[in-house]
PDB file of N, CA and C in Angstrom:
ATOM      1  N   MET A   1     117.376  82.584 233.661  1.00  0.00           N
ATOM      2  CA  MET A   1     118.102  83.832 233.421  1.00  0.00           C
ATOM      3  C   MET A   1     117.576  84.488 232.149  1.00  0.00           C
ATOM      4  N   SER A   2     117.436  85.794 232.153  1.00  0.00           N
ATOM      5  CA  SER A   2     116.878  86.491 231.001  1.00  0.00           C
ATOM      6  C   SER A   2     117.879  86.529 229.855  1.00  0.00           C
ATOM      7  N   GLY A   3     117.374  86.779 228.641  1.00  0.00           N
ATOM      8  CA  GLY A   3     118.216  86.750 227.455  1.00  0.00           C
ATOM      9  C   GLY A   3     118.866  88.070 227.111  1.00  0.00           C
ATOM     10  N   PHE A   4     118.861  89.035 228.001  1.00  0.00           N
ATOM     11  CA  PHE A   4     119.499  90.315 227.696  1.00  0.00           C
ATOM     12  C   PHE A   4     120.362  90.778 228.857  1.00  0.00           C
ATOM     13  N   LYS A   5     121.341  91.614 228.496  1.00  0.00           N
ATOM     14  CA  LYS A   5     122.256  92.142 229.512  1.00  0.00           C
ATOM     15  C   LYS A   5     121.713  93.438 230.080  1.00  0.00           C
ATOM     16  N   ARG A   6     122.079  93.722 231.300  1.00  0.00           N
ATOM     17  CA  ARG A   6     121.736  94.989 231.950  1.00  0.00           C
ATOM     18  C   ARG A   6     122.985  95.865 231.944  1.00  0.00           C
ATOM     19  N   TYR A   7     122.810  97.101 231.505  1.00  0.00           N
ATOM     20  CA  TYR A   7     123.917  98.051 231.493  1.00  0.00           C
ATOM     21  C   TYR A   7     123.574  99.202 232.424  1.00  0.00           C
ATOM     22  N   ASP A   8     124.569  99.700 233.147  1.00  0.00           N
ATOM     23  CA  ASP A   8     124.300 100.809 234.058  1.00  0.00           C
ATOM     24  C   ASP A   8     124.253 102.134 233.298  1.00  0.00           C
ATOM     25  N   GLU A   9     123.713 103.136 233.961  1.00  0.00           N
ATOM     26  CA  GLU A   9     123.509 104.446 233.354  1.00  0.00           C
ATOM     27  C   GLU A   9     124.822 105.064 232.859  1.00  0.00           C
ATOM     28  N   GLU A  10     125.869 104.886 233.628  1.00  0.00           N
ATOM     29  CA  GLU A  10     127.167 105.463 233.264  1.00  0.00           C
ATOM     30  C   GLU A  10     127.684 104.876 231.952  1.00  0.00           C
ATOM     31  N   PHE A  11     127.527 103.563 231.786  1.00  0.00           N
ATOM     32  CA  PHE A  11     127.955 102.894 230.560  1.00  0.00           C
ATOM     33  C   PHE A  11     127.160 103.424 229.364  1.00  0.00           C
ATOM     34  N   LYS A  12     125.855 103.518 229.527  1.00  0.00           N
ATOM     35  CA  LYS A  12     125.000 104.001 228.442  1.00  0.00           C
ATOM     36  C   LYS A  12     125.395 105.425 228.047  1.00  0.00           C
ATOM     37  N   GLN A  13     125.583 106.281 229.046  1.00  0.00           N
ATOM     38  CA  GLN A  13     125.946 107.673 228.787  1.00  0.00           C
ATOM     39  C   GLN A  13     127.302 107.764 228.096  1.00  0.00           C
ATOM     40  N   SER A  14     128.236 106.913 228.499  1.00  0.00           N
ATOM     41  CA  SER A  14     129.566 106.967 227.877  1.00  0.00           C
ATOM     42  C   SER A  14     129.499 106.567 226.403  1.00  0.00           C
ATOM     43  N   LEU A  15     128.657 105.592 226.060  1.00  0.00           N
ATOM     44  CA  LEU A  15     128.510 105.221 224.651  1.00  0.00           C
ATOM     45  C   LEU A  15     127.854 106.343 223.846  1.00  0.00           C
ATOM     46  N   VAL A  16     126.882 106.998 224.434  1.00  0.00           N
ATOM     47  CA  VAL A  16     126.239 108.133 223.757  1.00  0.00           C
ATOM     48  C   VAL A  16     127.255 109.257 223.548  1.00  0.00           C
ATOM     49  N   ASN A  17     128.086 109.501 224.543  1.00  0.00           N
ATOM     50  CA  ASN A  17     129.126 110.530 224.402  1.00  0.00           C
ATOM     51  C   ASN A  17     130.094 110.174 223.271  1.00  0.00           C
ATOM     52  N   LEU A  18     130.470 108.906 223.189  1.00  0.00           N
ATOM     53  CA  LEU A  18     131.348 108.469 222.103  1.00  0.00           C
ATOM     54  C   LEU A  18     130.675 108.672 220.749  1.00  0.00           C
ATOM     55  N   TYR A  19     129.396 108.357 220.680  1.00  0.00           N
ATOM     56  CA  TYR A  19     128.643 108.555 219.438  1.00  0.00           C
ATOM     57  C   TYR A  19     128.625 110.037 219.064  1.00  0.00           C
ATOM     58  N   GLN A  20     128.401 110.897 220.041  1.00  0.00           N
ATOM     59  CA  GLN A  20     128.311 112.332 219.778  1.00  0.00           C
ATOM     60  C   GLN A  20     129.656 112.942 219.410  1.00  0.00           C
ATOM     61  N   THR A  21     130.737 112.246 219.739  1.00  0.00           N
ATOM     62  CA  THR A  21     132.068 112.761 219.372  1.00  0.00           C
ATOM     63  C   THR A  21     132.584 112.149 218.073  1.00  0.00           C
ATOM     64  N   GLY A  22     131.744 111.372 217.365  1.00  0.00           N
ATOM     65  CA  GLY A  22     132.138 110.934 216.034  1.00  0.00           C
ATOM     66  C   GLY A  22     132.160 109.442 215.767  1.00  0.00           C
ATOM     67  N   LYS A  23     132.099 108.617 216.777  1.00  0.00           N
ATOM     68  CA  LYS A  23     132.060 107.171 216.542  1.00  0.00           C
ATOM     69  C   LYS A  23     130.719 106.810 215.911  1.00  0.00           C
ATOM     70  N   THR A  24     130.727 105.852 214.984  1.00  0.00           N
ATOM     71  CA  THR A  24     129.470 105.434 214.370  1.00  0.00           C
ATOM     72  C   THR A  24     128.760 104.425 215.268  1.00  0.00           C
ATOM     73  N   GLN A  25     127.464 104.286 215.025  1.00  0.00           N
ATOM     74  CA  GLN A  25     126.694 103.325 215.803  1.00  0.00           C
ATOM     75  C   GLN A  25     127.212 101.910 215.567  1.00  0.00           C
ATOM     76  N   SER A  26     127.543 101.600 214.322  1.00  0.00           N
ATOM     77  CA  SER A  26     128.031 100.243 214.039  1.00  0.00           C
ATOM     78  C   SER A  26     129.366  99.960 214.729  1.00  0.00           C
ATOM     79  N   GLU A  27     130.244 100.960 214.788  1.00  0.00           N
ATOM     80  CA  GLU A  27     131.518 100.787 215.505  1.00  0.00           C
ATOM     81  C   GLU A  27     131.272 100.521 216.984  1.00  0.00           C
ATOM     82  N   LEU A  28     130.386 101.297 217.573  1.00  0.00           N
ATOM     83  CA  LEU A  28     130.103 101.144 219.004  1.00  0.00           C
ATOM     84  C   LEU A  28     129.471  99.788 219.299  1.00  0.00           C
ATOM     85  N   CYS A  29     128.553  99.364 218.459  1.00  0.00           N
ATOM     86  CA  CYS A  29     127.908  98.053 218.650  1.00  0.00           C
ATOM     87  C   CYS A  29     128.947  96.936 218.575  1.00  0.00           C
ATOM     88  N   LYS A  30     129.822  97.035 217.607  1.00  0.00           N
ATOM     89  CA  LYS A  30     130.865  96.018 217.425  1.00  0.00           C
ATOM     90  C   LYS A  30     131.870  96.040 218.579  1.00  0.00           C
ATOM     91  N   ASP A  31     132.342  97.225 218.932  1.00  0.00           N
ATOM     92  CA  ASP A  31     133.376  97.357 219.959  1.00  0.00           C
ATOM     93  C   ASP A  31     132.877  96.980 221.357  1.00  0.00           C
ATOM     94  N   TYR A  32     131.606  97.277 221.656  1.00  0.00           N
ATOM     95  CA  TYR A  32     131.108  97.083 223.015  1.00  0.00           C
ATOM     96  C   TYR A  32     130.072  95.966 223.151  1.00  0.00           C
ATOM     97  N   GLY A  33     129.741  95.323 222.034  1.00  0.00           N
ATOM     98  CA  GLY A  33     128.842  94.182 222.087  1.00  0.00           C
ATOM     99  C   GLY A  33     127.415  94.509 222.486  1.00  0.00           C
ATOM    100  N   VAL A  34     126.934  95.674 222.065  1.00  0.00           N
ATOM    101  CA  VAL A  34     125.543  96.033 222.352  1.00  0.00           C
ATOM    102  C   VAL A  34     124.745  95.977 221.056  1.00  0.00           C
ATOM    103  N   SER A  35     123.457  95.780 221.177  1.00  0.00           N
ATOM    104  CA  SER A  35     122.615  95.712 219.985  1.00  0.00           C
ATOM    105  C   SER A  35     122.391  97.110 219.415  1.00  0.00           C
ATOM    106  N   ALA A  36     122.135  97.147 218.124  1.00  0.00           N
ATOM    107  CA  ALA A  36     121.898  98.425 217.458  1.00  0.00           C
ATOM    108  C   ALA A  36     120.637  99.091 218.003  1.00  0.00           C
ATOM    109  N   SER A  37     119.616  98.298 218.308  1.00  0.00           N
ATOM    110  CA  SER A  37     118.373  98.886 218.820  1.00  0.00           C
ATOM    111  C   SER A  37     118.575  99.481 220.212  1.00  0.00           C
ATOM    112  N   ALA A  38     119.358  98.802 221.047  1.00  0.00           N
ATOM    113  CA  ALA A  38     119.633  99.332 222.393  1.00  0.00           C
ATOM    114  C   ALA A  38     120.410 100.644 222.293  1.00  0.00           C
ATOM    115  N   LEU A  39     121.422 100.660 221.442  1.00  0.00           N
ATOM    116  CA  LEU A  39     122.230 101.873 221.298  1.00  0.00           C
ATOM    117  C   LEU A  39     121.387 103.022 220.759  1.00  0.00           C
ATOM    118  N   ALA A  40     120.539 102.751 219.782  1.00  0.00           N
ATOM    119  CA  ALA A  40     119.678 103.803 219.232  1.00  0.00           C
ATOM    120  C   ALA A  40     118.759 104.353 220.315  1.00  0.00           C
ATOM    121  N   LYS A  41     118.241 103.470 221.151  1.00  0.00           N
ATOM    122  CA  LYS A  41     117.366 103.898 222.249  1.00  0.00           C
ATOM    123  C   LYS A  41     118.138 104.785 223.224  1.00  0.00           C
ATOM    124  N   TRP A  42     119.366 104.393 223.554  1.00  0.00           N
ATOM    125  CA  TRP A  42     120.186 105.175 224.487  1.00  0.00           C
ATOM    126  C   TRP A  42     120.515 106.539 223.903  1.00  0.00           C
ATOM    127  N   ILE A  43     120.813 106.580 222.614  1.00  0.00           N
ATOM    128  CA  ILE A  43     121.141 107.859 221.971  1.00  0.00           C
ATOM    129  C   ILE A  43     119.946 108.792 222.070  1.00  0.00           C
ATOM    130  N   LYS A  44     118.769 108.253 221.798  1.00  0.00           N
ATOM    131  CA  LYS A  44     117.559 109.067 221.907  1.00  0.00           C
ATOM    132  C   LYS A  44     117.331 109.499 223.350  1.00  0.00           C
ATOM    133  N   GLN A  45     117.554 108.586 224.276  1.00  0.00           N
ATOM    134  CA  GLN A  45     117.277 108.826 225.696  1.00  0.00           C
ATOM    135  C   GLN A  45     118.255 109.810 226.324  1.00  0.00           C
ATOM    136  N   TYR A  46     119.521 109.731 225.963  1.00  0.00           N
ATOM    137  CA  TYR A  46     120.552 110.523 226.633  1.00  0.00           C
ATOM    138  C   TYR A  46     121.049 111.725 225.832  1.00  0.00           C
ATOM    139  N   SER A  47     120.492 111.932 224.642  1.00  0.00           N
ATOM    140  CA  SER A  47     120.882 113.119 223.895  1.00  0.00           C
ATOM    141  C   SER A  47     120.411 114.339 224.667  1.00  0.00           C
ATOM    142  N   GLN A  48     121.155 115.401 224.543  1.00  0.00           N
ATOM    143  CA  GLN A  48     120.898 116.573 225.377  1.00  0.00           C
ATOM    144  C   GLN A  48     120.071 117.624 224.652  1.00  0.00           C
ATOM    145  N   VAL A  49     119.268 118.337 225.430  1.00  0.00           N
ATOM    146  CA  VAL A  49     118.454 119.439 224.942  1.00  0.00           C
ATOM    147  C   VAL A  49     118.850 120.674 225.736  1.00  0.00           C
ATOM    148  N   ARG A  50     119.143 121.751 225.024  1.00  0.00           N
ATOM    149  CA  ARG A  50     119.508 123.004 225.691  1.00  0.00           C
ATOM    150  C   ARG A  50     118.261 123.891 225.769  1.00  0.00           C
ATOM    151  N   LEU A  51     117.924 124.318 226.977  1.00  0.00           N
ATOM    152  CA  LEU A  51     116.757 125.175 227.193  1.00  0.00           C
ATOM    153  C   LEU A  51     117.136 126.636 227.015  1.00  0.00           C
ATOM    154  N   GLU A  52     116.146 127.510 227.034  1.00  0.00           N
ATOM    155  CA  GLU A  52     116.370 128.938 226.836  1.00  0.00           C
ATOM    156  C   GLU A  52     117.346 129.529 227.841  1.00  0.00           C
ATOM    157  N   ASP A  53     117.329 129.019 229.080  1.00  0.00           N
ATOM    158  CA  ASP A  53     118.225 129.551 230.110  1.00  0.00           C
ATOM    159  C   ASP A  53     119.573 128.832 230.135  1.00  0.00           C
ATOM    160  N   ASN A  54     119.892 128.134 229.047  1.00  0.00           N
ATOM    161  CA  ASN A  54     121.134 127.364 228.870  1.00  0.00           C
ATOM    162  C   ASN A  54     121.250 126.147 229.768  1.00  0.00           C
ATOM    163  N   THR A  55     120.156 125.756 230.421  1.00  0.00           N
ATOM    164  CA  THR A  55     120.131 124.508 231.169  1.00  0.00           C
ATOM    165  C   THR A  55     120.137 123.372 230.156  1.00  0.00           C
ATOM    166  N   ILE A  56     120.892 122.334 230.455  1.00  0.00           N
ATOM    167  CA  ILE A  56     120.957 121.188 229.560  1.00  0.00           C
ATOM    168  C   ILE A  56     120.295 119.996 230.241  1.00  0.00           C
ATOM    169  N   LEU A  57     119.332 119.386 229.545  1.00  0.00           N
ATOM    170  CA  LEU A  57     118.631 118.209 230.052  1.00  0.00           C
ATOM    171  C   LEU A  57     118.698 117.094 229.030  1.00  0.00           C
ATOM    172  N   THR A  58     118.680 115.866 229.514  1.00  0.00           N
ATOM    173  CA  THR A  58     118.584 114.729 228.599  1.00  0.00           C
ATOM    174  C   THR A  58     117.112 114.394 228.403  1.00  0.00           C
ATOM    175  N   ALA A  59     116.833 113.626 227.372  1.00  0.00           N
ATOM    176  CA  ALA A  59     115.453 113.198 227.126  1.00  0.00           C
ATOM    177  C   ALA A  59     114.931 112.408 228.319  1.00  0.00           C
ATOM    178  N   LYS A  60     115.795 111.634 228.957  1.00  0.00           N
ATOM    179  CA  LYS A  60     115.397 110.860 230.133  1.00  0.00           C
ATOM    180  C   LYS A  60     115.001 111.792 231.275  1.00  0.00           C
ATOM    181  N   GLN A  61     115.770 112.858 231.493  1.00  0.00           N
ATOM    182  CA  GLN A  61     115.437 113.812 232.545  1.00  0.00           C
ATOM    183  C   GLN A  61     114.109 114.497 232.254  1.00  0.00           C
ATOM    184  N   ILE A  62     113.859 114.817 230.993  1.00  0.00           N
ATOM    185  CA  ILE A  62     112.595 115.440 230.615  1.00  0.00           C
ATOM    186  C   ILE A  62     111.446 114.479 230.868  1.00  0.00           C
ATOM    187  N   GLN A  63     111.641 113.224 230.520  1.00  0.00           N
ATOM    188  CA  GLN A  63     110.611 112.212 230.759  1.00  0.00           C
ATOM    189  C   GLN A  63     110.339 112.058 232.256  1.00  0.00           C
ATOM    190  N   ASP A  64     111.390 112.035 233.061  1.00  0.00           N
ATOM    191  CA  ASP A  64     111.219 111.953 234.515  1.00  0.00           C
ATOM    192  C   ASP A  64     110.449 113.160 235.047  1.00  0.00           C
ATOM    193  N   LEU A  65     110.764 114.343 234.530  1.00  0.00           N
ATOM    194  CA  LEU A  65     110.055 115.558 234.946  1.00  0.00           C
ATOM    195  C   LEU A  65     108.584 115.514 234.543  1.00  0.00           C
ATOM    196  N   GLN A  66     108.308 114.970 233.363  1.00  0.00           N
ATOM    197  CA  GLN A  66     106.922 114.845 232.924  1.00  0.00           C
ATOM    198  C   GLN A  66     106.139 113.893 233.825  1.00  0.00           C
ATOM    199  N   LYS A  67     106.777 112.791 234.208  1.00  0.00           N
ATOM    200  CA  LYS A  67     106.123 111.843 235.121  1.00  0.00           C
ATOM    201  C   LYS A  67     105.841 112.499 236.465  1.00  0.00           C
ATOM    202  N   ARG A  68     106.820 113.229 236.981  1.00  0.00           N
ATOM    203  CA  ARG A  68     106.663 113.905 238.265  1.00  0.00           C
ATOM    204  C   ARG A  68     105.569 114.962 238.182  1.00  0.00           C
ATOM    205  N   ASN A  69     105.532 115.699 237.085  1.00  0.00           N
ATOM    206  CA  ASN A  69     104.505 116.717 236.895  1.00  0.00           C
ATOM    207  C   ASN A  69     103.112 116.081 236.877  1.00  0.00           C
ATOM    208  N   ALA A  70     102.962 114.963 236.182  1.00  0.00           N
ATOM    209  CA  ALA A  70     101.667 114.274 236.129  1.00  0.00           C
ATOM    210  C   ALA A  70     101.252 113.811 237.524  1.00  0.00           C
ATOM    211  N   GLN A  71     102.220 113.307 238.289  1.00  0.00           N
ATOM    212  CA  GLN A  71     101.944 112.860 239.656  1.00  0.00           C
ATOM    213  C   GLN A  71     101.479 114.032 240.522  1.00  0.00           C
ATOM    214  N   LEU A  72     102.152 115.159 240.429  1.00  0.00           N
ATOM    215  CA  LEU A  72     101.780 116.331 241.214  1.00  0.00           C
ATOM    216  C   LEU A  72     100.419 116.876 240.793  1.00  0.00           C
ATOM    217  N   GLU A  73     100.125 116.846 239.501  1.00  0.00           N
ATOM    218  CA  GLU A  73      98.814 117.291 239.042  1.00  0.00           C
ATOM    219  C   GLU A  73      97.710 116.401 239.606  1.00  0.00           C
ATOM    220  N   GLU A  74      97.961 115.094 239.643  1.00  0.00           N
ATOM    221  CA  GLU A  74      96.982 114.165 240.196  1.00  0.00           C
ATOM    222  C   GLU A  74      96.777 114.418 241.694  1.00  0.00           C
ATOM    223  N   GLU A  75      97.875 114.609 242.418  1.00  0.00           N
ATOM    224  CA  GLU A  75      97.771 114.902 243.848  1.00  0.00           C
ATOM    225  C   GLU A  75      97.008 116.203 244.082  1.00  0.00           C
ATOM    226  N   ASN A  76      97.282 117.199 243.242  1.00  0.00           N
ATOM    227  CA  ASN A  76      96.597 118.490 243.363  1.00  0.00           C
ATOM    228  C   ASN A  76      95.094 118.324 243.143  1.00  0.00           C
ATOM    229  N   LEU A  77      94.710 117.541 242.158  1.00  0.00           N
ATOM    230  CA  LEU A  77      93.297 117.295 241.885  1.00  0.00           C
ATOM    231  C   LEU A  77      92.626 116.591 243.064  1.00  0.00           C
ATOM    232  N   ILE A  78      93.302 115.609 243.640  1.00  0.00           N
ATOM    233  CA  ILE A  78      92.765 114.895 244.806  1.00  0.00           C
ATOM    234  C   ILE A  78      92.569 115.856 245.970  1.00  0.00           C
ATOM    235  N   LEU A  79      93.549 116.718 246.202  1.00  0.00           N
ATOM    236  CA  LEU A  79      93.432 117.687 247.299  1.00  0.00           C
ATOM    237  C   LEU A  79      92.299 118.678 247.065  1.00  0.00           C
ATOM    238  N   LYS A  80      92.105 119.104 245.813  1.00  0.00           N
ATOM    239  CA  LYS A  80      90.997 120.010 245.511  1.00  0.00           C
ATOM    240  C   LYS A  80      89.662 119.338 245.793  1.00  0.00           C
ATOM    241  N   LYS A  81      89.529 118.074 245.388  1.00  0.00           N
ATOM    242  CA  LYS A  81      88.285 117.347 245.623  1.00  0.00           C
ATOM    243  C   LYS A  81      88.052 117.148 247.121  1.00  0.00           C
ATOM    244  N   ALA A  82      89.097 116.809 247.855  1.00  0.00           N
ATOM    245  CA  ALA A  82      88.977 116.622 249.303  1.00  0.00           C
ATOM    246  C   ALA A  82      88.596 117.933 249.974  1.00  0.00           C
ATOM    247  N   SER A  83      89.182 119.007 249.535  1.00  0.00           N
ATOM    248  CA  SER A  83      88.873 120.320 250.091  1.00  0.00           C
ATOM    249  C   SER A  83      87.410 120.671 249.855  1.00  0.00           C
ATOM    250  N   ALA A  84      86.910 120.401 248.663  1.00  0.00           N
ATOM    251  CA  ALA A  84      85.508 120.687 248.352  1.00  0.00           C
ATOM    252  C   ALA A  84      84.578 119.866 249.252  1.00  0.00           C
ATOM    253  N   ILE A  85      84.933 118.613 249.489  1.00  0.00           N
ATOM    254  CA  ILE A  85      84.122 117.736 250.355  1.00  0.00           C
ATOM    255  C   ILE A  85      84.129 118.271 251.785  1.00  0.00           C
ATOM    256  N   PHE A  86      85.286 118.662 252.292  1.00  0.00           N
ATOM    257  CA  PHE A  86      85.379 119.197 253.654  1.00  0.00           C
ATOM    258  C   PHE A  86      84.616 120.506 253.794  1.00  0.00           C
ATOM    259  N   MET A  87      84.639 121.328 252.756  1.00  0.00           N
ATOM    260  CA  MET A  87      83.918 122.594 252.799  1.00  0.00           C
ATOM    261  C   MET A  87      82.407 122.351 252.859  1.00  0.00           C
ATOM    262  N   GLN A  88      81.934 121.351 252.121  1.00  0.00           N
ATOM    263  CA  GLN A  88      80.501 121.019 252.149  1.00  0.00           C
ATOM    264  C   GLN A  88      80.087 120.511 253.516  1.00  0.00           C
ATOM    265  N   ASN A  89      80.932 119.694 254.117  1.00  0.00           N
ATOM    266  CA  ASN A  89      80.621 119.107 255.428  1.00  0.00           C
ATOM    267  C   ASN A  89      80.710 120.122 256.565  1.00  0.00           C
ATOM    268  N   SER A  90      81.428 121.193 256.374  1.00  0.00           N
ATOM    269  CA  SER A  90      81.578 122.167 257.453  1.00  0.00           C
ATOM    270  C   SER A  90      80.441 123.194 257.481  1.00  0.00           C
ATOM    271  N   LYS A  91      79.571 123.160 256.502  1.00  0.00           N
ATOM    272  CA  LYS A  91      78.457 124.130 256.445  1.00  0.00           C
ATOM    273  C   LYS A  91      77.335 123.744 257.328  1.00  0.00           C
TER     274      LYS A  91
END
């Protein structure tokens, strides 16, 4: 068995919300039995960013979007290369 606990997304978000409403990190760590490093990571991950159009995203959502964007860029590059190969073969 591994030496760390697994927490679900809802639990992590609720602790971040408590932190953002005034609870200290040390209080949350003590009250909920989580490590300070885990809580700091969650705060960074789930803190919200407001965009110009008032859309609110978490750092995790931004990271997921960046991963998806990189994947789509790679697929696009593959399709461009395949298209160039097919165009050469059709001449």
